[in-house]
Amino acid sequence: MPKASKNSRKQPTTHTIPKQTTKPDKKSTKEPKRPRSAFLYFCSEKREEVKKQHPSMKLGDTQRVLGEMWRNLSEAEKTPYNKLAVTDKKRYEDEKADKAKH
């Protein structure tokens, strides 16, 4: 059997990155920012407190602690966060209705 020449080896194929299409103008298609939940309001308030107590804790562990804290709150303790969430939901619905009108 004759040896295959070096040139007859199959060359590796190069993958090309597909050309990105242009995106529509963000200002004309921008949706209102989605409403935050009561839990997210709680987390934004308590995150720094948890970080001060446990400075070497990773993000996932911090979130786990915040989730546990949230589950341990009574309904009365959750009320201020629920009110914030309801207010933000109303803001979102109003902005969405305004966008639909335009």
PDB file of N, CA and C in Angstrom:
ATOM      1  N   MET A   1       0.833  -1.167   0.000  1.00  0.00           N
ATOM      2  CA  MET A   1       0.000   0.000   0.000  1.00  0.00           C
ATOM      3  C   MET A   1       0.881   1.234   0.000  1.00  0.00           C
ATOM      4  N   PRO A   2       0.592   2.133  -0.883  1.00  0.00           N
ATOM      5  CA  PRO A   2       1.386   3.357  -0.915  1.00  0.00           C
ATOM      6  C   PRO A   2       0.995   4.265   0.251  1.00  0.00           C
ATOM      7  N   LYS A   3       1.985   4.981   0.746  1.00  0.00           N
ATOM      8  CA  LYS A   3       1.738   5.914   1.837  1.00  0.00           C
ATOM      9  C   LYS A   3       0.945   7.117   1.328  1.00  0.00           C
ATOM     10  N   ALA A   4       0.090   7.590   2.195  1.00  0.00           N
ATOM     11  CA  ALA A   4      -0.665   8.794   1.835  1.00  0.00           C
ATOM     12  C   ALA A   4       0.254   9.995   2.031  1.00  0.00           C
ATOM     13  N   SER A   5       0.202  10.881   1.107  1.00  0.00           N
ATOM     14  CA  SER A   5       1.060  12.057   1.235  1.00  0.00           C
ATOM     15  C   SER A   5       0.523  12.967   2.334  1.00  0.00           C
ATOM     16  N   LYS A   6       1.403  13.796   2.842  1.00  0.00           N
ATOM     17  CA  LYS A   6       1.011  14.699   3.923  1.00  0.00           C
ATOM     18  C   LYS A   6      -0.094  15.654   3.480  1.00  0.00           C
ATOM     19  N   ASN A   7      -0.118  15.990   2.215  1.00  0.00           N
ATOM     20  CA  ASN A   7      -1.114  16.934   1.720  1.00  0.00           C
ATOM     21  C   ASN A   7      -2.507  16.323   1.616  1.00  0.00           C
ATOM     22  N   SER A   8      -2.576  14.985   1.622  1.00  0.00           N
ATOM     23  CA  SER A   8      -3.886  14.365   1.440  1.00  0.00           C
ATOM     24  C   SER A   8      -4.637  14.204   2.765  1.00  0.00           C
ATOM     25  N   ARG A   9      -3.998  14.597   3.860  1.00  0.00           N
ATOM     26  CA  ARG A   9      -4.697  14.514   5.129  1.00  0.00           C
ATOM     27  C   ARG A   9      -5.835  15.531   5.168  1.00  0.00           C
ATOM     28  N   LYS A  10      -6.858  15.124   5.831  1.00  0.00           N
ATOM     29  CA  LYS A  10      -8.007  16.004   5.923  1.00  0.00           C
ATOM     30  C   LYS A  10      -7.665  17.166   6.859  1.00  0.00           C
ATOM     31  N   GLN A  11      -7.863  18.350   6.370  1.00  0.00           N
ATOM     32  CA  GLN A  11      -7.579  19.541   7.163  1.00  0.00           C
ATOM     33  C   GLN A  11      -8.723  19.771   8.144  1.00  0.00           C
ATOM     34  N   PRO A  12      -8.403  20.205   9.357  1.00  0.00           N
ATOM     35  CA  PRO A  12      -9.488  20.472  10.301  1.00  0.00           C
ATOM     36  C   PRO A  12     -10.344  21.637   9.800  1.00  0.00           C
ATOM     37  N   THR A  13     -11.616  21.498  10.022  1.00  0.00           N
ATOM     38  CA  THR A  13     -12.506  22.562   9.582  1.00  0.00           C
ATOM     39  C   THR A  13     -12.509  23.663  10.628  1.00  0.00           C
ATOM     40  N   THR A  14     -12.590  24.868  10.157  1.00  0.00           N
ATOM     41  CA  THR A  14     -12.680  25.990  11.083  1.00  0.00           C
ATOM     42  C   THR A  14     -14.132  26.421  11.149  1.00  0.00           C
ATOM     43  N   HIS A  15     -14.568  26.674  12.335  1.00  0.00           N
ATOM     44  CA  HIS A  15     -15.943  27.100  12.526  1.00  0.00           C
ATOM     45  C   HIS A  15     -15.987  28.614  12.466  1.00  0.00           C
ATOM     46  N   THR A  16     -16.885  29.109  11.673  1.00  0.00           N
ATOM     47  CA  THR A  16     -17.014  30.549  11.582  1.00  0.00           C
ATOM     48  C   THR A  16     -18.141  31.005  12.497  1.00  0.00           C
ATOM     49  N   ILE A  17     -17.963  32.156  13.051  1.00  0.00           N
ATOM     50  CA  ILE A  17     -18.986  32.723  13.914  1.00  0.00           C
ATOM     51  C   ILE A  17     -20.027  33.369  13.009  1.00  0.00           C
ATOM     52  N   PRO A  18     -21.286  33.006  13.209  1.00  0.00           N
ATOM     53  CA  PRO A  18     -22.314  33.581  12.339  1.00  0.00           C
ATOM     54  C   PRO A  18     -22.391  35.098  12.535  1.00  0.00           C
ATOM     55  N   LYS A  19     -22.676  35.752  11.447  1.00  0.00           N
ATOM     56  CA  LYS A  19     -22.773  37.206  11.477  1.00  0.00           C
ATOM     57  C   LYS A  19     -23.982  37.588  12.316  1.00  0.00           C
ATOM     58  N   GLN A  20     -23.751  38.499  13.268  1.00  0.00           N
ATOM     59  CA  GLN A  20     -24.839  38.917  14.128  1.00  0.00           C
ATOM     60  C   GLN A  20     -25.736  39.886  13.388  1.00  0.00           C
ATOM     61  N   THR A  21     -27.009  39.693  13.602  1.00  0.00           N
ATOM     62  CA  THR A  21     -27.965  40.593  12.970  1.00  0.00           C
ATOM     63  C   THR A  21     -28.077  41.852  13.803  1.00  0.00           C
ATOM     64  N   THR A  22     -28.489  42.899  13.185  1.00  0.00           N
ATOM     65  CA  THR A  22     -28.638  44.138  13.936  1.00  0.00           C
ATOM     66  C   THR A  22     -29.881  44.045  14.801  1.00  0.00           C
ATOM     67  N   LYS A  23     -29.768  44.566  16.010  1.00  0.00           N
ATOM     68  CA  LYS A  23     -30.881  44.529  16.948  1.00  0.00           C
ATOM     69  C   LYS A  23     -31.748  45.761  16.735  1.00  0.00           C
ATOM     70  N   PRO A  24     -33.028  45.626  17.004  1.00  0.00           N
ATOM     71  CA  PRO A  24     -33.887  46.800  16.874  1.00  0.00           C
ATOM     72  C   PRO A  24     -33.517  47.836  17.923  1.00  0.00           C
ATOM     73  N   ASP A  25     -33.891  49.057  17.684  1.00  0.00           N
ATOM     74  CA  ASP A  25     -33.604  50.144  18.597  1.00  0.00           C
ATOM     75  C   ASP A  25     -34.211  49.829  19.965  1.00  0.00           C
ATOM     76  N   LYS A  26     -33.366  49.861  21.014  1.00  0.00           N
ATOM     77  CA  LYS A  26     -33.832  49.492  22.340  1.00  0.00           C
ATOM     78  C   LYS A  26     -34.890  50.447  22.867  1.00  0.00           C
ATOM     79  N   LYS A  27     -34.760  51.722  22.560  1.00  0.00           N
ATOM     80  CA  LYS A  27     -35.706  52.691  23.090  1.00  0.00           C
ATOM     81  C   LYS A  27     -37.120  52.446  22.573  1.00  0.00           C
ATOM     82  N   SER A  28     -37.246  52.022  21.338  1.00  0.00           N
ATOM     83  CA  SER A  28     -38.583  51.836  20.769  1.00  0.00           C
ATOM     84  C   SER A  28     -39.226  50.526  21.216  1.00  0.00           C
ATOM     85  N   THR A  29     -38.431  49.527  21.616  1.00  0.00           N
ATOM     86  CA  THR A  29     -38.998  48.239  22.000  1.00  0.00           C
ATOM     87  C   THR A  29     -38.841  47.955  23.484  1.00  0.00           C
ATOM     88  N   LYS A  30     -38.348  48.924  24.241  1.00  0.00           N
ATOM     89  CA  LYS A  30     -38.064  48.678  25.653  1.00  0.00           C
ATOM     90  C   LYS A  30     -39.349  48.473  26.443  1.00  0.00           C
ATOM     91  N   GLU A  31     -39.419  47.337  27.098  1.00  0.00           N
ATOM     92  CA  GLU A  31     -40.549  47.017  27.954  1.00  0.00           C
ATOM     93  C   GLU A  31     -40.307  47.622  29.331  1.00  0.00           C
ATOM     94  N   PRO A  32     -41.367  47.852  30.091  1.00  0.00           N
ATOM     95  CA  PRO A  32     -41.179  48.353  31.453  1.00  0.00           C
ATOM     96  C   PRO A  32     -40.430  47.324  32.295  1.00  0.00           C
ATOM     97  N   LYS A  33     -39.679  47.815  33.252  1.00  0.00           N
ATOM     98  CA  LYS A  33     -38.940  46.928  34.136  1.00  0.00           C
ATOM     99  C   LYS A  33     -39.928  46.099  34.944  1.00  0.00           C
ATOM    100  N   ARG A  34     -39.691  44.801  34.999  1.00  0.00           N
ATOM    101  CA  ARG A  34     -40.617  43.902  35.682  1.00  0.00           C
ATOM    102  C   ARG A  34     -40.683  44.210  37.169  1.00  0.00           C
ATOM    103  N   PRO A  35     -41.828  43.921  37.793  1.00  0.00           N
ATOM    104  CA  PRO A  35     -41.967  44.235  39.219  1.00  0.00           C
ATOM    105  C   PRO A  35     -41.132  43.294  40.084  1.00  0.00           C
ATOM    106  N   ARG A  36     -40.661  43.831  41.191  1.00  0.00           N
ATOM    107  CA  ARG A  36     -39.887  43.030  42.137  1.00  0.00           C
ATOM    108  C   ARG A  36     -40.842  42.352  43.112  1.00  0.00           C
ATOM    109  N   SER A  37     -40.461  41.173  43.544  1.00  0.00           N
ATOM    110  CA  SER A  37     -41.279  40.450  44.513  1.00  0.00           C
ATOM    111  C   SER A  37     -40.956  40.937  45.924  1.00  0.00           C
ATOM    112  N   ALA A  38     -41.802  40.549  46.878  1.00  0.00           N
ATOM    113  CA  ALA A  38     -41.573  40.905  48.276  1.00  0.00           C
ATOM    114  C   ALA A  38     -40.242  40.327  48.749  1.00  0.00           C
ATOM    115  N   PHE A  39     -39.916  39.126  48.307  1.00  0.00           N
ATOM    116  CA  PHE A  39     -38.652  38.494  48.693  1.00  0.00           C
ATOM    117  C   PHE A  39     -37.457  39.302  48.195  1.00  0.00           C
ATOM    118  N   LEU A  40     -37.538  39.840  46.995  1.00  0.00           N
ATOM    119  CA  LEU A  40     -36.425  40.631  46.475  1.00  0.00           C
ATOM    120  C   LEU A  40     -36.241  41.923  47.260  1.00  0.00           C
ATOM    121  N   TYR A  41     -37.327  42.536  47.676  1.00  0.00           N
ATOM    122  CA  TYR A  41     -37.213  43.720  48.541  1.00  0.00           C
ATOM    123  C   TYR A  41     -36.558  43.353  49.865  1.00  0.00           C
ATOM    124  N   PHE A  42     -36.946  42.216  50.423  1.00  0.00           N
ATOM    125  CA  PHE A  42     -36.356  41.730  51.666  1.00  0.00           C
ATOM    126  C   PHE A  42     -34.861  41.499  51.485  1.00  0.00           C
ATOM    127  N   CYS A  43     -34.491  40.828  50.405  1.00  0.00           N
ATOM    128  CA  CYS A  43     -33.075  40.528  50.156  1.00  0.00           C
ATOM    129  C   CYS A  43     -32.245  41.794  50.004  1.00  0.00           C
ATOM    130  N   SER A  44     -32.760  42.769  49.270  1.00  0.00           N
ATOM    131  CA  SER A  44     -31.979  43.983  49.062  1.00  0.00           C
ATOM    132  C   SER A  44     -31.777  44.733  50.386  1.00  0.00           C
ATOM    133  N   GLU A  45     -32.713  44.611  51.303  1.00  0.00           N
ATOM    134  CA  GLU A  45     -32.577  45.270  52.602  1.00  0.00           C
ATOM    135  C   GLU A  45     -31.636  44.520  53.540  1.00  0.00           C
ATOM    136  N   LYS A  46     -31.674  43.199  53.513  1.00  0.00           N
ATOM    137  CA  LYS A  46     -30.945  42.386  54.490  1.00  0.00           C
ATOM    138  C   LYS A  46     -29.596  41.858  54.003  1.00  0.00           C
ATOM    139  N   ARG A  47     -29.305  41.972  52.706  1.00  0.00           N
ATOM    140  CA  ARG A  47     -28.079  41.387  52.156  1.00  0.00           C
ATOM    141  C   ARG A  47     -26.822  41.935  52.839  1.00  0.00           C
ATOM    142  N   GLU A  48     -26.753  43.250  53.014  1.00  0.00           N
ATOM    143  CA  GLU A  48     -25.569  43.846  53.643  1.00  0.00           C
ATOM    144  C   GLU A  48     -25.406  43.364  55.078  1.00  0.00           C
ATOM    145  N   GLU A  49     -26.512  43.200  55.779  1.00  0.00           N
ATOM    146  CA  GLU A  49     -26.465  42.702  57.154  1.00  0.00           C
ATOM    147  C   GLU A  49     -25.864  41.296  57.197  1.00  0.00           C
ATOM    148  N   VAL A  50     -26.291  40.443  56.274  1.00  0.00           N
ATOM    149  CA  VAL A  50     -25.772  39.068  56.221  1.00  0.00           C
ATOM    150  C   VAL A  50     -24.293  39.082  55.837  1.00  0.00           C
ATOM    151  N   LYS A  51     -23.900  39.961  54.904  1.00  0.00           N
ATOM    152  CA  LYS A  51     -22.495  40.040  54.492  1.00  0.00           C
ATOM    153  C   LYS A  51     -21.607  40.497  55.637  1.00  0.00           C
ATOM    154  N   LYS A  52     -22.108  41.415  56.472  1.00  0.00           N
ATOM    155  CA  LYS A  52     -21.324  41.885  57.620  1.00  0.00           C
ATOM    156  C   LYS A  52     -21.139  40.779  58.645  1.00  0.00           C
ATOM    157  N   GLN A  53     -22.173  39.956  58.823  1.00  0.00           N
ATOM    158  CA  GLN A  53     -22.091  38.855  59.783  1.00  0.00           C
ATOM    159  C   GLN A  53     -21.173  37.747  59.285  1.00  0.00           C
ATOM    160  N   HIS A  54     -21.174  37.523  57.972  1.00  0.00           N
ATOM    161  CA  HIS A  54     -20.386  36.439  57.362  1.00  0.00           C
ATOM    162  C   HIS A  54     -19.627  36.990  56.152  1.00  0.00           C
ATOM    163  N   PRO A  55     -18.519  37.706  56.349  1.00  0.00           N
ATOM    164  CA  PRO A  55     -17.844  38.361  55.220  1.00  0.00           C
ATOM    165  C   PRO A  55     -17.230  37.409  54.194  1.00  0.00           C
ATOM    166  N   SER A  56     -16.899  36.194  54.582  1.00  0.00           N
ATOM    167  CA  SER A  56     -16.263  35.274  53.629  1.00  0.00           C
ATOM    168  C   SER A  56     -17.271  34.386  52.900  1.00  0.00           C
ATOM    169  N   MET A  57     -18.540  34.594  53.146  1.00  0.00           N
ATOM    170  CA  MET A  57     -19.578  33.752  52.545  1.00  0.00           C
ATOM    171  C   MET A  57     -19.740  34.055  51.059  1.00  0.00           C
ATOM    172  N   LYS A  58     -19.884  33.001  50.277  1.00  0.00           N
ATOM    173  CA  LYS A  58     -20.078  33.152  48.832  1.00  0.00           C
ATOM    174  C   LYS A  58     -21.517  33.558  48.540  1.00  0.00           C
ATOM    175  N   LEU A  59     -21.735  34.030  47.302  1.00  0.00           N
ATOM    176  CA  LEU A  59     -23.046  34.537  46.907  1.00  0.00           C
ATOM    177  C   LEU A  59     -24.149  33.498  47.093  1.00  0.00           C
ATOM    178  N   GLY A  60     -23.931  32.287  46.652  1.00  0.00           N
ATOM    179  CA  GLY A  60     -24.947  31.244  46.774  1.00  0.00           C
ATOM    180  C   GLY A  60     -25.299  30.965  48.219  1.00  0.00           C
ATOM    181  N   ASP A  61     -24.281  30.964  49.083  1.00  0.00           N
ATOM    182  CA  ASP A  61     -24.533  30.728  50.501  1.00  0.00           C
ATOM    183  C   ASP A  61     -25.297  31.898  51.115  1.00  0.00           C
ATOM    184  N   THR A  62     -24.963  33.111  50.688  1.00  0.00           N
ATOM    185  CA  THR A  62     -25.677  34.290  51.171  1.00  0.00           C
ATOM    186  C   THR A  62     -27.153  34.195  50.786  1.00  0.00           C
ATOM    187  N   GLN A  63     -27.421  33.823  49.553  1.00  0.00           N
ATOM    188  CA  GLN A  63     -28.806  33.677  49.091  1.00  0.00           C
ATOM    189  C   GLN A  63     -29.539  32.600  49.891  1.00  0.00           C
ATOM    190  N   ARG A  64     -28.835  31.526  50.214  1.00  0.00           N
ATOM    191  CA  ARG A  64     -29.435  30.443  50.988  1.00  0.00           C
ATOM    192  C   ARG A  64     -29.840  30.947  52.377  1.00  0.00           C
ATOM    193  N   VAL A  65     -28.957  31.732  53.013  1.00  0.00           N
ATOM    194  CA  VAL A  65     -29.249  32.286  54.334  1.00  0.00           C
ATOM    195  C   VAL A  65     -30.437  33.243  54.253  1.00  0.00           C
ATOM    196  N   LEU A  66     -30.457  34.096  53.217  1.00  0.00           N
ATOM    197  CA  LEU A  66     -31.570  35.026  53.043  1.00  0.00           C
ATOM    198  C   LEU A  66     -32.895  34.282  52.839  1.00  0.00           C
ATOM    199  N   GLY A  67     -32.854  33.212  52.091  1.00  0.00           N
ATOM    200  CA  GLY A  67     -34.059  32.406  51.875  1.00  0.00           C
ATOM    201  C   GLY A  67     -34.557  31.791  53.173  1.00  0.00           C
ATOM    202  N   GLU A  68     -33.634  31.316  53.978  1.00  0.00           N
ATOM    203  CA  GLU A  68     -34.003  30.739  55.270  1.00  0.00           C
ATOM    204  C   GLU A  68     -34.595  31.818  56.186  1.00  0.00           C
ATOM    205  N   MET A  69     -33.985  33.007  56.178  1.00  0.00           N
ATOM    206  CA  MET A  69     -34.502  34.118  56.984  1.00  0.00           C
ATOM    207  C   MET A  69     -35.923  34.474  56.546  1.00  0.00           C
ATOM    208  N   TRP A  70     -36.152  34.496  55.232  1.00  0.00           N
ATOM    209  CA  TRP A  70     -37.467  34.840  54.697  1.00  0.00           C
ATOM    210  C   TRP A  70     -38.515  33.811  55.118  1.00  0.00           C
ATOM    211  N   ARG A  71     -38.153  32.534  55.044  1.00  0.00           N
ATOM    212  CA  ARG A  71     -39.092  31.473  55.421  1.00  0.00           C
ATOM    213  C   ARG A  71     -39.450  31.542  56.915  1.00  0.00           C
ATOM    214  N   ASN A  72     -38.526  32.031  57.725  1.00  0.00           N
ATOM    215  CA  ASN A  72     -38.755  32.102  59.162  1.00  0.00           C
ATOM    216  C   ASN A  72     -39.528  33.350  59.594  1.00  0.00           C
ATOM    217  N   LEU A  73     -39.777  34.281  58.681  1.00  0.00           N
ATOM    218  CA  LEU A  73     -40.539  35.476  59.026  1.00  0.00           C
ATOM    219  C   LEU A  73     -42.022  35.140  59.160  1.00  0.00           C
ATOM    220  N   SER A  74     -42.683  35.831  60.066  1.00  0.00           N
ATOM    221  CA  SER A  74     -44.132  35.666  60.192  1.00  0.00           C
ATOM    222  C   SER A  74     -44.799  36.509  59.104  1.00  0.00           C
ATOM    223  N   GLU A  75     -46.088  36.286  58.917  1.00  0.00           N
ATOM    224  CA  GLU A  75     -46.823  37.068  57.914  1.00  0.00           C
ATOM    225  C   GLU A  75     -46.809  38.549  58.266  1.00  0.00           C
ATOM    226  N   ALA A  76     -46.867  38.865  59.549  1.00  0.00           N
ATOM    227  CA  ALA A  76     -46.839  40.266  59.979  1.00  0.00           C
ATOM    228  C   ALA A  76     -45.492  40.913  59.633  1.00  0.00           C
ATOM    229  N   GLU A  77     -44.416  40.163  59.753  1.00  0.00           N
ATOM    230  CA  GLU A  77     -43.084  40.693  59.426  1.00  0.00           C
ATOM    231  C   GLU A  77     -42.897  40.841  57.914  1.00  0.00           C
ATOM    232  N   LYS A  78     -43.622  40.064  57.136  1.00  0.00           N
ATOM    233  CA  LYS A  78     -43.528  40.142  55.674  1.00  0.00           C
ATOM    234  C   LYS A  78     -44.394  41.258  55.089  1.00  0.00           C
ATOM    235  N   THR A  79     -45.323  41.779  55.870  1.00  0.00           N
ATOM    236  CA  THR A  79     -46.283  42.763  55.386  1.00  0.00           C
ATOM    237  C   THR A  79     -45.647  43.973  54.706  1.00  0.00           C
ATOM    238  N   PRO A  80     -44.610  44.621  55.295  1.00  0.00           N
ATOM    239  CA  PRO A  80     -44.049  45.796  54.609  1.00  0.00           C
ATOM    240  C   PRO A  80     -43.466  45.455  53.238  1.00  0.00           C
ATOM    241  N   TYR A  81     -42.872  44.284  53.117  1.00  0.00           N
ATOM    242  CA  TYR A  81     -42.280  43.869  51.840  1.00  0.00           C
ATOM    243  C   TYR A  81     -43.380  43.547  50.828  1.00  0.00           C
ATOM    244  N   ASN A  82     -44.467  42.946  51.318  1.00  0.00           N
ATOM    245  CA  ASN A  82     -45.598  42.651  50.431  1.00  0.00           C
ATOM    246  C   ASN A  82     -46.227  43.933  49.905  1.00  0.00           C
ATOM    247  N   LYS A  83     -46.306  44.962  50.756  1.00  0.00           N
ATOM    248  CA  LYS A  83     -46.853  46.243  50.323  1.00  0.00           C
ATOM    249  C   LYS A  83     -45.977  46.864  49.237  1.00  0.00           C
ATOM    250  N   LEU A  84     -44.661  46.781  49.420  1.00  0.00           N
ATOM    251  CA  LEU A  84     -43.740  47.299  48.394  1.00  0.00           C
ATOM    252  C   LEU A  84     -43.928  46.559  47.075  1.00  0.00           C
ATOM    253  N   ALA A  85     -44.105  45.249  47.156  1.00  0.00           N
ATOM    254  CA  ALA A  85     -44.275  44.442  45.947  1.00  0.00           C
ATOM    255  C   ALA A  85     -45.583  44.795  45.232  1.00  0.00           C
ATOM    256  N   VAL A  86     -46.645  45.024  45.989  1.00  0.00           N
ATOM    257  CA  VAL A  86     -47.934  45.391  45.392  1.00  0.00           C
ATOM    258  C   VAL A  86     -47.817  46.748  44.696  1.00  0.00           C
ATOM    259  N   THR A  87     -47.147  47.688  45.359  1.00  0.00           N
ATOM    260  CA  THR A  87     -46.940  49.015  44.774  1.00  0.00           C
ATOM    261  C   THR A  87     -46.135  48.920  43.480  1.00  0.00           C
ATOM    262  N   ASP A  88     -45.092  48.098  43.488  1.00  0.00           N
ATOM    263  CA  ASP A  88     -44.258  47.957  42.296  1.00  0.00           C
ATOM    264  C   ASP A  88     -45.027  47.263  41.174  1.00  0.00           C
ATOM    265  N   LYS A  89     -45.883  46.321  41.521  1.00  0.00           N
ATOM    266  CA  LYS A  89     -46.688  45.638  40.501  1.00  0.00           C
ATOM    267  C   LYS A  89     -47.648  46.619  39.840  1.00  0.00           C
ATOM    268  N   LYS A  90     -48.223  47.512  40.636  1.00  0.00           N
ATOM    269  CA  LYS A  90     -49.116  48.531  40.091  1.00  0.00           C
ATOM    270  C   LYS A  90     -48.343  49.456  39.154  1.00  0.00           C
ATOM    271  N   ARG A  91     -47.132  49.848  39.559  1.00  0.00           N
ATOM    272  CA  ARG A  91     -46.281  50.682  38.703  1.00  0.00           C
ATOM    273  C   ARG A  91     -46.030  49.989  37.369  1.00  0.00           C
ATOM    274  N   TYR A  92     -45.712  48.703  37.422  1.00  0.00           N
ATOM    275  CA  TYR A  92     -45.437  47.927  36.210  1.00  0.00           C
ATOM    276  C   TYR A  92     -46.663  47.879  35.302  1.00  0.00           C
ATOM    277  N   GLU A  93     -47.816  47.603  35.879  1.00  0.00           N
ATOM    278  CA  GLU A  93     -49.038  47.511  35.080  1.00  0.00           C
ATOM    279  C   GLU A  93     -49.394  48.854  34.447  1.00  0.00           C
ATOM    280  N   ASP A  94     -49.185  49.944  35.207  1.00  0.00           N
ATOM    281  CA  ASP A  94     -49.439  51.282  34.665  1.00  0.00           C
ATOM    282  C   ASP A  94     -48.503  51.590  33.491  1.00  0.00           C
ATOM    283  N   GLU A  95     -47.213  51.283  33.657  1.00  0.00           N
ATOM    284  CA  GLU A  95     -46.242  51.528  32.585  1.00  0.00           C
ATOM    285  C   GLU A  95     -46.552  50.665  31.363  1.00  0.00           C
ATOM    286  N   LYS A  96     -46.967  49.445  31.602  1.00  0.00           N
ATOM    287  CA  LYS A  96     -47.291  48.549  30.488  1.00  0.00           C
ATOM    288  C   LYS A  96     -48.522  49.067  29.728  1.00  0.00           C
ATOM    289  N   ALA A  97     -49.518  49.576  30.474  1.00  0.00           N
ATOM    290  CA  ALA A  97     -50.721  50.128  29.852  1.00  0.00           C
ATOM    291  C   ALA A  97     -50.377  51.384  29.064  1.00  0.00           C
ATOM    292  N   ASP A  98     -49.500  52.222  29.606  1.00  0.00           N
ATOM    293  CA  ASP A  98     -49.074  53.435  28.899  1.00  0.00           C
ATOM    294  C   ASP A  98     -48.352  53.079  27.608  1.00  0.00           C
ATOM    295  N   LYS A  99     -47.516  52.055  27.651  1.00  0.00           N
ATOM    296  CA  LYS A  99     -46.775  51.637  26.463  1.00  0.00           C
ATOM    297  C   LYS A  99     -47.735  51.107  25.396  1.00  0.00           C
ATOM    298  N   ALA A 100     -48.766  50.389  25.836  1.00  0.00           N
ATOM    299  CA  ALA A 100     -49.734  49.842  24.891  1.00  0.00           C
ATOM    300  C   ALA A 100     -50.523  50.947  24.193  1.00  0.00           C
ATOM    301  N   LYS A 101     -50.736  52.047  24.877  1.00  0.00           N
ATOM    302  CA  LYS A 101     -51.477  53.164  24.297  1.00  0.00           C
ATOM    303  C   LYS A 101     -50.660  53.857  23.216  1.00  0.00           C
ATOM    304  N   HIS A 102     -49.354  53.876  23.361  1.00  0.00           N
ATOM    305  CA  HIS A 102     -48.501  54.602  22.415  1.00  0.00           C
ATOM    306  C   HIS A 102     -48.152  53.766  21.265  1.00  0.00           C
TER     307      HIS A 102
END
